[in-house]
Amino acid sequence: MNIIERGVRFVQWLHELAERKAWDWRRCPHCGDTWTCKYGGYFRHPWFLDGRREIWVQRHWCHRCRRTYSERSALLIRGGWYAREVRRKAIDMWQHGGSSLRRVAEWLRSEMGRQERWLIWRPLDEESPEDRRCHLGASSVHRWLDRAGQRAQESVGGQLEGVPTSGQMGTDGLWARLRRGVRRVVLILVDSESGLLYPPVVVKGEEKEESWKGLFERAREAGLDWDTLRGVTSDGVKGLTGCMMEILAWVNHQRCVWHLWRNLGGKIAWRVSRAATGLAGEAAKTAKEEARKVLAGLIHGVLDAHSFEQAEMALAQLASHPLGMGLWKIVAEHLEAALMYLGKYNQGLMRVSPEWCWRDYRLRLSRGRNQGSEERLERGALVWAIYRNFTPAQWRSERKRKYRRPGKSPLQVAGVPPGRVSYLDALGV
C-alpha cells in the first residue's frame, strides 16, 4: 500500500466514522454483537479552532462480552485536549508556513483563546478571563510533529510503490546542527523529471559509502526499482562515487555544473587578477572585468555546449587562449561527467544537484536544531518529504524563480495524482 492509498483509506475511515448513526453504535466493537445498552457517559472539553467546547461522550455496555466502549467522533482524537483540526493546522503552519514551534503555538493560542495577538488584531475586544485562556505550548506542537514523523517512518515500506520513475535521479545533502554541537546530514534522492522525493536518511557524514548505500536501500524499500536507474547527479562527493561503483555500476554519474563553477572560482579569480598586473585604478578594474568576461564566456562554451563535439571545440579555444593556460586541464578532467546529460541514455537527467529542494526545508528557523536528536531529525525529514510530494508548485512565477510545472505536485507529474488527499491524510493526522 503506497502513500496515496494510505491517505485514501484514512479519509474513508473519517467519513465512515462521521456518518455512523445511533444504531451503528449499538454494535459492540469487541465482539460485534448488538445486545448492548447505554451505560452513562462523560463530558469532554476539547479545544477547537473557534474556542473550547463541551461535548458529551456516550458510553455503552455489551451484555455478551461484558465490556464497555465509548462513541467516537471524527473531529476528536482519543485522549487529546485539542481537536483534530487544531493538530492538523499546527503541523501545516510549521511545515507549509515555515514558522517556528513557539510561534505556531502562540498563533493558535491567540485564535482559540481570544488572547495575546488576538487583542492586537481586534483592539476593541476585551481580554478573556483566566479560566477561558488557552495554554497550548511549543512542546505539544513538537510532540504532534514527532508523532506524524513516526507514522511517516512506519510508512516507508512501499511508500512510493507503483509510482512511475524516469530513472534519472539527483542527490544532495544538507548539514543540520542538533543540540550539544552534534552535526548530522540529511540525504535526499530526487527524480529529475517529476521532482519526486524518496524517503531521506540522516547520517553522520557524506564521505562514507555506507551513508549513500543507506539512502539507496531506503529508496528501494519505498518502491524504487534499481534496474530502472540510468543516471545520478551529485556534487561529486567521494562517498557517492564509491557507492555507485559498488552497487550501481551501470548508472552514469553526472557532476553538478554549479559546483564545478564554484570549484573554479578561485582559479578564475587568480587569472583575472594577473590580467591587471601593472595597472591601477580604473584601468585595472576595466582589465579585470574584461578578463573575467572573456574567461567566463570560454568556460560557458564548454560546460553549456549542446553536444560533445561542440564542447571539444570550445575546450580547444579555452586551451589556446592565454587566460586558459592550465585551467583547461581542470575543465577537461570533468568534461565527460559534466556533459553526461547529453547522452541518449540519460535524457532528462538534471545538470545541477537538487539544491532547490532544500528551499522549503531552510524556512524552518532552526533548520533541524530544535529536533534535538538524530531520530527526531529523520522523522521530521520524512514528514517534509511527504509534504513536498503532495504539495503543488505555485502558479505564479517569482522575479528570479520560475516553476517548471506550475500548479502540479510531484506525484501528479509522476502520473499518480493524489486528488483531494493531502499529506496530512497520508500521515493519518
Foldseek 3Di string as FASTA:
>chain_A
DALLVLLVVLVVVQVVLAPDDPQNVCQDPPPRDNQKDWDAWDWAWAFELQATDIDTWTKMAHPPVGDIDIRDHSQDDPPDRYTPNLLVVLVCCVQVVLEELAVSQVVSQCRHQVADCVCVVPVVDDHGDPVRGDDDGSVVNLVSLLLLLVLLVVNLQQHCAPQDAQLFKFKDWDWAAAPPRQIKIWIWIAGLQLRAIRQIAIGRDDQALVNVVVRVVSSVRNHDDLVSHAEYEYQDRNSVVVNCVVPVVNHAYAHAPVSVCVVCVVVQQVLLQVQLPPHDDPVSVVSSVVSSVVLVVLLCQQLVPLDNVSNVVSLVVLCPDPSNPVVSVVCVVCRCNQCVCNDPSNPSHDNHHPPVLCVSCPSNPNSQHVLNDSVSSSSSSSLSSLQQQQDFAAQDADPPGDDPDHPDGSSVSSPHHSPPRHSCSSSSD
